Amino acid sequence: MKYVVHDVNTAPNAAKEELRNAEKSFGFVPNLLGVMAEAPALLEAYRAMAGYFEKTSLTPTERQIVLLTTSFENTCEYCVAAHSVIAGMQEVSSDVVDAIRNGRPIDDQKLEALRQFTSAVVTSRGWPSDSATKSFFDAGYAKVQVLEVVLGIGFKTLSNFTNHIADTPLDRAFARAAWTKAA
């Protein structure tokens, strides 16, 4: 089933303000948000969760690691591309982004522990092993960051699944970072 990529003019009335705010933030309405506008409650929840995730104790680099790793594990081509570009805008090291995109370890041990823990939570559907959790704590993270990772995964899973179902077309702004998971 084909989903419409709404803009401010075609969106349901309940989604118009969220799309206007997105346009102010990004300079355009990302296709993901245009698709989500079909269900205004989803769009509003997604935008709210993004704001909540920004308030966590995780650094911008750490937040992008959670979002990119979740998208990698969920094989979301749209979100890996989008967050590769966004990570660059937030001055996340290209080595970190490339490692996640290619399923390789991150050189920084603490950031690698975050990547591994996020991966473990996603792939185990919320049942990471005791050893995965211990490694996360041993790297210097605490219980608060465990739950903040859960918030990031929940937030990103909304977009990953939306993109899978809607086959959201990649925006021109993210095309330079197009990605397909290697077999």
Foldseek 3Di string as FASTA:
>chain_A
DAADQAALVPADPLQNVLRVVCCVVPVHRFSLLSRCSNPSVLSVVLVVLVVVLVPAPDDPLLLLLLLLLLCLLLFQQQSLLVSLLVCVVVVHDNQSSVCSLQVHARPDQLSSLSSQLSNQCNVVVRCRDPVSVVSNVVSPDDPSVNVSSVSSSVSNVSSSVSCVVNVGDHDPSRVVRGGGHDD
